[in-house]
C-alpha atoms as a PDB file:
ATOM      1  CA  MET A   1       0.000   0.000   0.000  1.00  0.00           C
ATOM      2  CA  SER A   2       1.329   3.445  -0.868  1.00  0.00           C
ATOM      3  CA  GLU A   3       2.218   6.022   1.749  1.00  0.00           C
ATOM      4  CA  LEU A   4      -0.588   8.272   0.495  1.00  0.00           C
ATOM      5  CA  ALA A   5      -3.144   5.463   0.707  1.00  0.00           C
ATOM      6  CA  ASN A   6      -2.261   4.984   4.383  1.00  0.00           C
ATOM      7  CA  LYS A   7      -3.089   8.610   5.215  1.00  0.00           C
ATOM      8  CA  LYS A   8      -6.474   9.970   6.275  1.00  0.00           C
ATOM      9  CA  CYS A   9      -8.211  12.969   4.748  1.00  0.00           C
ATOM     10  CA  VAL A  10      -8.461  15.988   7.028  1.00  0.00           C
ATOM     11  CA  PRO A  11     -11.056  18.775   6.865  1.00  0.00           C
ATOM     12  CA  CYS A  12     -10.016  21.667   4.617  1.00  0.00           C
ATOM     13  CA  GLU A  13     -11.030  25.290   4.898  1.00  0.00           C
ATOM     14  CA  ASP A  14     -10.305  28.442   2.917  1.00  0.00           C
ATOM     15  CA  LYS A  15      -7.286  29.093   5.145  1.00  0.00           C
ATOM     16  CA  THR A  16      -5.815  25.676   4.255  1.00  0.00           C
ATOM     17  CA  GLY A  17      -4.806  26.951   0.833  1.00  0.00           C
ATOM     18  CA  LYS A  18      -4.301  25.158  -2.445  1.00  0.00           C
ATOM     19  CA  LEU A  19      -1.296  22.974  -3.113  1.00  0.00           C
ATOM     20  CA  GLU A  20       1.540  24.596  -5.022  1.00  0.00           C
ATOM     21  CA  SER A  21       1.896  23.253  -8.567  1.00  0.00           C
ATOM     22  CA  ASN A  22       5.244  21.592  -7.809  1.00  0.00           C
ATOM     23  CA  LYS A  23       3.771  19.788  -4.758  1.00  0.00           C
ATOM     24  CA  SER A  24       0.821  18.571  -6.847  1.00  0.00           C
ATOM     25  CA  THR A  25       3.230  17.237  -9.475  1.00  0.00           C
ATOM     26  CA  GLU A  26       5.263  15.503  -6.770  1.00  0.00           C
ATOM     27  CA  LEU A  27       2.177  13.823  -5.295  1.00  0.00           C
ATOM     28  CA  LEU A  28       0.917  12.866  -8.761  1.00  0.00           C
ATOM     29  CA  GLU A  29       4.047  10.725  -9.216  1.00  0.00           C
ATOM     30  CA  GLU A  30       2.787   8.489  -6.395  1.00  0.00           C
ATOM     31  CA  LEU A  31      -0.444   7.752  -8.276  1.00  0.00           C
ATOM     32  CA  ASP A  32      -1.236   5.427 -11.168  1.00  0.00           C
ATOM     33  CA  LYS A  33      -2.168   7.260 -14.391  1.00  0.00           C
ATOM     34  CA  TRP A  34      -4.007  10.217 -12.838  1.00  0.00           C
ATOM     35  CA  LYS A  35      -3.805  13.560 -14.650  1.00  0.00           C
ATOM     36  CA  ILE A  36      -3.756  17.090 -13.301  1.00  0.00           C
ATOM     37  CA  ILE A  37      -6.266  19.268 -15.155  1.00  0.00           C
ATOM     38  CA  GLU A  38      -5.653  23.040 -15.108  1.00  0.00           C
ATOM     39  CA  ASP A  39      -4.177  22.853 -11.565  1.00  0.00           C
ATOM     40  CA  THR A  40      -7.753  22.629 -10.268  1.00  0.00           C
ATOM     41  CA  HIS A  41      -8.474  18.893 -10.192  1.00  0.00           C
ATOM     42  CA  ILE A  42      -7.134  15.438 -10.924  1.00  0.00           C
ATOM     43  CA  GLU A  43      -8.906  12.773 -12.907  1.00  0.00           C
ATOM     44  CA  LYS A  44      -8.640   9.192 -14.028  1.00  0.00           C
ATOM     45  CA  THR A  45     -10.791   6.902 -16.169  1.00  0.00           C
ATOM     46  CA  LEU A  46     -11.053   3.178 -15.516  1.00  0.00           C
ATOM     47  CA  GLN A  47     -12.571   0.542 -17.781  1.00  0.00           C
ATOM     48  CA  PHE A  48     -14.370  -2.535 -16.464  1.00  0.00           C
ATOM     49  CA  VAL A  49     -15.555  -5.795 -18.015  1.00  0.00           C
ATOM     50  CA  ASP A  50     -19.197  -4.770 -17.824  1.00  0.00           C
ATOM     51  CA  PHE A  51     -21.716  -2.345 -16.334  1.00  0.00           C
ATOM     52  CA  ALA A  52     -22.183  -4.396 -13.154  1.00  0.00           C
ATOM     53  CA  ALA A  53     -18.439  -4.412 -12.400  1.00  0.00           C
ATOM     54  CA  ALA A  54     -18.225  -0.650 -12.985  1.00  0.00           C
ATOM     55  CA  LEU A  55     -21.169  -0.017 -10.684  1.00  0.00           C
ATOM     56  CA  ALA A  56     -19.789  -2.331  -7.981  1.00  0.00           C
ATOM     57  CA  PHE A  57     -16.480  -0.442  -8.070  1.00  0.00           C
ATOM     58  CA  ILE A  58     -18.280   2.896  -7.792  1.00  0.00           C
ATOM     59  CA  ASN A  59     -20.085   1.638  -4.693  1.00  0.00           C
ATOM     60  CA  LYS A  60     -16.793   0.546  -3.086  1.00  0.00           C
ATOM     61  CA  VAL A  61     -15.277   3.957  -3.819  1.00  0.00           C
ATOM     62  CA  GLY A  62     -18.396   5.529  -2.308  1.00  0.00           C
ATOM     63  CA  GLU A  63     -17.805   3.647   0.952  1.00  0.00           C
ATOM     64  CA  ILE A  64     -14.213   4.861   1.118  1.00  0.00           C
ATOM     65  CA  ALA A  65     -15.243   8.419   0.258  1.00  0.00           C
ATOM     66  CA  GLN A  66     -17.823   8.411   3.066  1.00  0.00           C
ATOM     67  CA  LYS A  67     -15.228   7.182   5.589  1.00  0.00           C
ATOM     68  CA  GLU A  68     -12.765   9.844   4.445  1.00  0.00           C
ATOM     69  CA  ASN A  69     -15.436  12.551   4.189  1.00  0.00           C
ATOM     70  CA  HIS A  70     -13.951  13.523   0.831  1.00  0.00           C
ATOM     71  CA  HIS A  71     -16.105  12.804  -2.204  1.00  0.00           C
ATOM     72  CA  PRO A  72     -15.150  12.490  -5.876  1.00  0.00           C
ATOM     73  CA  ASP A  73     -17.262  13.438  -8.833  1.00  0.00           C
ATOM     74  CA  ILE A  74     -18.075  10.144 -10.544  1.00  0.00           C
ATOM     75  CA  TYR A  75     -19.190   9.720 -14.145  1.00  0.00           C
ATOM     76  CA  LEU A  76     -20.240   6.285 -15.474  1.00  0.00           C
ATOM     77  CA  PHE A  77     -20.325   6.220 -19.263  1.00  0.00           C
ATOM     78  CA  SER A  78     -20.161   3.871 -22.279  1.00  0.00           C
ATOM     79  CA  TRP A  79     -21.621   1.107 -20.055  1.00  0.00           C
ATOM     80  CA  ASN A  80     -18.237   0.072 -18.586  1.00  0.00           C
ATOM     81  CA  LYS A  81     -16.096   3.184 -18.052  1.00  0.00           C
ATOM     82  CA  VAL A  82     -15.893   5.347 -14.958  1.00  0.00           C
ATOM     83  CA  LYS A  83     -14.211   8.742 -14.686  1.00  0.00           C
ATOM     84  CA  PHE A  84     -13.260   9.987 -11.233  1.00  0.00           C
ATOM     85  CA  THR A  85     -12.582  13.681 -10.703  1.00  0.00           C
ATOM     86  CA  LEU A  86     -11.119  14.969  -7.445  1.00  0.00           C
ATOM     87  CA  SER A  87     -10.902  18.552  -6.254  1.00  0.00           C
ATOM     88  CA  THR A  88     -11.298  20.259  -2.906  1.00  0.00           C
ATOM     89  CA  HIS A  89     -14.299  22.501  -3.429  1.00  0.00           C
ATOM     90  CA  SER A  90     -13.816  24.552  -0.256  1.00  0.00           C
ATOM     91  CA  ILE A  91     -10.454  25.841  -1.539  1.00  0.00           C
ATOM     92  CA  LYS A  92     -11.354  25.730  -5.240  1.00  0.00           C
ATOM     93  CA  GLY A  93      -8.315  23.651  -6.098  1.00  0.00           C
ATOM     94  CA  LEU A  94      -6.182  20.698  -5.095  1.00  0.00           C
ATOM     95  CA  SER A  95      -5.370  19.614  -1.561  1.00  0.00           C
ATOM     96  CA  GLU A  96      -3.504  16.597  -0.271  1.00  0.00           C
ATOM     97  CA  ASN A  97      -6.924  15.006   0.370  1.00  0.00           C
ATOM     98  CA  ASP A  98      -7.462  14.668  -3.370  1.00  0.00           C
ATOM     99  CA  PHE A  99      -4.262  12.684  -3.737  1.00  0.00           C
ATOM    100  CA  ILE A 100      -5.005  10.571  -0.659  1.00  0.00           C
ATOM    101  CA  LEU A 101      -8.397   9.540  -2.034  1.00  0.00           C
ATOM    102  CA  ALA A 102      -6.886   8.934  -5.489  1.00  0.00           C
ATOM    103  CA  ALA A 103      -4.306   6.607  -3.903  1.00  0.00           C
ATOM    104  CA  LYS A 104      -7.078   4.732  -2.107  1.00  0.00           C
ATOM    105  CA  ILE A 105      -8.941   4.363  -5.435  1.00  0.00           C
ATOM    106  CA  ASP A 106      -5.726   3.045  -7.008  1.00  0.00           C
ATOM    107  CA  GLU A 107      -5.352   0.483  -4.204  1.00  0.00           C
ATOM    108  CA  LEU A 108      -8.933  -0.652  -4.704  1.00  0.00           C
ATOM    109  CA  ALA A 109      -8.371  -1.022  -8.461  1.00  0.00           C
ATOM    110  CA  ARG A 110      -5.344  -3.290  -7.964  1.00  0.00           C
END
Protein backbone atom coordinates (compact mmCIF):
# COMPACT_ATOMS: atom_id res chain seq x y z
CA MET A 1 0.00 0.00 0.00
CA SER A 2 1.33 3.45 -0.87
CA GLU A 3 2.22 6.02 1.75
CA LEU A 4 -0.59 8.27 0.50
CA ALA A 5 -3.14 5.46 0.71
CA ASN A 6 -2.26 4.98 4.38
CA LYS A 7 -3.09 8.61 5.22
CA LYS A 8 -6.47 9.97 6.27
CA CYS A 9 -8.21 12.97 4.75
CA VAL A 10 -8.46 15.99 7.03
CA PRO A 11 -11.06 18.78 6.86
CA CYS A 12 -10.02 21.67 4.62
CA GLU A 13 -11.03 25.29 4.90
CA ASP A 14 -10.30 28.44 2.92
CA LYS A 15 -7.29 29.09 5.14
CA THR A 16 -5.82 25.68 4.26
CA GLY A 17 -4.81 26.95 0.83
CA LYS A 18 -4.30 25.16 -2.45
CA LEU A 19 -1.30 22.97 -3.11
CA GLU A 20 1.54 24.60 -5.02
CA SER A 21 1.90 23.25 -8.57
CA ASN A 22 5.24 21.59 -7.81
CA LYS A 23 3.77 19.79 -4.76
CA SER A 24 0.82 18.57 -6.85
CA THR A 25 3.23 17.24 -9.47
CA GLU A 26 5.26 15.50 -6.77
CA LEU A 27 2.18 13.82 -5.30
CA LEU A 28 0.92 12.87 -8.76
CA GLU A 29 4.05 10.73 -9.22
CA GLU A 30 2.79 8.49 -6.40
CA LEU A 31 -0.44 7.75 -8.28
CA ASP A 32 -1.24 5.43 -11.17
CA LYS A 33 -2.17 7.26 -14.39
CA TRP A 34 -4.01 10.22 -12.84
CA LYS A 35 -3.81 13.56 -14.65
CA ILE A 36 -3.76 17.09 -13.30
CA ILE A 37 -6.27 19.27 -15.16
CA GLU A 38 -5.65 23.04 -15.11
CA ASP A 39 -4.18 22.85 -11.56
CA THR A 40 -7.75 22.63 -10.27
CA HIS A 41 -8.47 18.89 -10.19
CA ILE A 42 -7.13 15.44 -10.92
CA GLU A 43 -8.91 12.77 -12.91
CA LYS A 44 -8.64 9.19 -14.03
CA THR A 45 -10.79 6.90 -16.17
CA LEU A 46 -11.05 3.18 -15.52
CA GLN A 47 -12.57 0.54 -17.78
CA PHE A 48 -14.37 -2.54 -16.46
CA VAL A 49 -15.55 -5.79 -18.01
CA ASP A 50 -19.20 -4.77 -17.82
CA PHE A 51 -21.72 -2.34 -16.33
CA ALA A 52 -22.18 -4.40 -13.15
CA ALA A 53 -18.44 -4.41 -12.40
CA ALA A 54 -18.23 -0.65 -12.99
CA LEU A 55 -21.17 -0.02 -10.68
CA ALA A 56 -19.79 -2.33 -7.98
CA PHE A 57 -16.48 -0.44 -8.07
CA ILE A 58 -18.28 2.90 -7.79
CA ASN A 59 -20.09 1.64 -4.69
CA LYS A 60 -16.79 0.55 -3.09
CA VAL A 61 -15.28 3.96 -3.82
CA GLY A 62 -18.40 5.53 -2.31
CA GLU A 63 -17.80 3.65 0.95
CA ILE A 64 -14.21 4.86 1.12
CA ALA A 65 -15.24 8.42 0.26
CA GLN A 66 -17.82 8.41 3.07
CA LYS A 67 -15.23 7.18 5.59
CA GLU A 68 -12.77 9.84 4.45
CA ASN A 69 -15.44 12.55 4.19
CA HIS A 70 -13.95 13.52 0.83
CA HIS A 71 -16.10 12.80 -2.20
CA PRO A 72 -15.15 12.49 -5.88
CA ASP A 73 -17.26 13.44 -8.83
CA ILE A 74 -18.08 10.14 -10.54
CA TYR A 75 -19.19 9.72 -14.14
CA LEU A 76 -20.24 6.28 -15.47
CA PHE A 77 -20.33 6.22 -19.26
CA SER A 78 -20.16 3.87 -22.28
CA TRP A 79 -21.62 1.11 -20.05
CA ASN A 80 -18.24 0.07 -18.59
CA LYS A 81 -16.10 3.18 -18.05
CA VAL A 82 -15.89 5.35 -14.96
CA LYS A 83 -14.21 8.74 -14.69
CA PHE A 84 -13.26 9.99 -11.23
CA THR A 85 -12.58 13.68 -10.70
CA LEU A 86 -11.12 14.97 -7.44
CA SER A 87 -10.90 18.55 -6.25
CA THR A 88 -11.30 20.26 -2.91
CA HIS A 89 -14.30 22.50 -3.43
CA SER A 90 -13.82 24.55 -0.26
CA ILE A 91 -10.45 25.84 -1.54
CA LYS A 92 -11.35 25.73 -5.24
CA GLY A 93 -8.31 23.65 -6.10
CA LEU A 94 -6.18 20.70 -5.10
CA SER A 95 -5.37 19.61 -1.56
CA GLU A 96 -3.50 16.60 -0.27
CA ASN A 97 -6.92 15.01 0.37
CA ASP A 98 -7.46 14.67 -3.37
CA PHE A 99 -4.26 12.68 -3.74
CA ILE A 100 -5.00 10.57 -0.66
CA LEU A 101 -8.40 9.54 -2.03
CA ALA A 102 -6.89 8.93 -5.49
CA ALA A 103 -4.31 6.61 -3.90
CA LYS A 104 -7.08 4.73 -2.11
CA ILE A 105 -8.94 4.36 -5.44
CA ASP A 106 -5.73 3.04 -7.01
CA GLU A 107 -5.35 0.48 -4.20
CA LEU A 108 -8.93 -0.65 -4.70
CA ALA A 109 -8.37 -1.02 -8.46
CA ARG A 110 -5.34 -3.29 -7.96
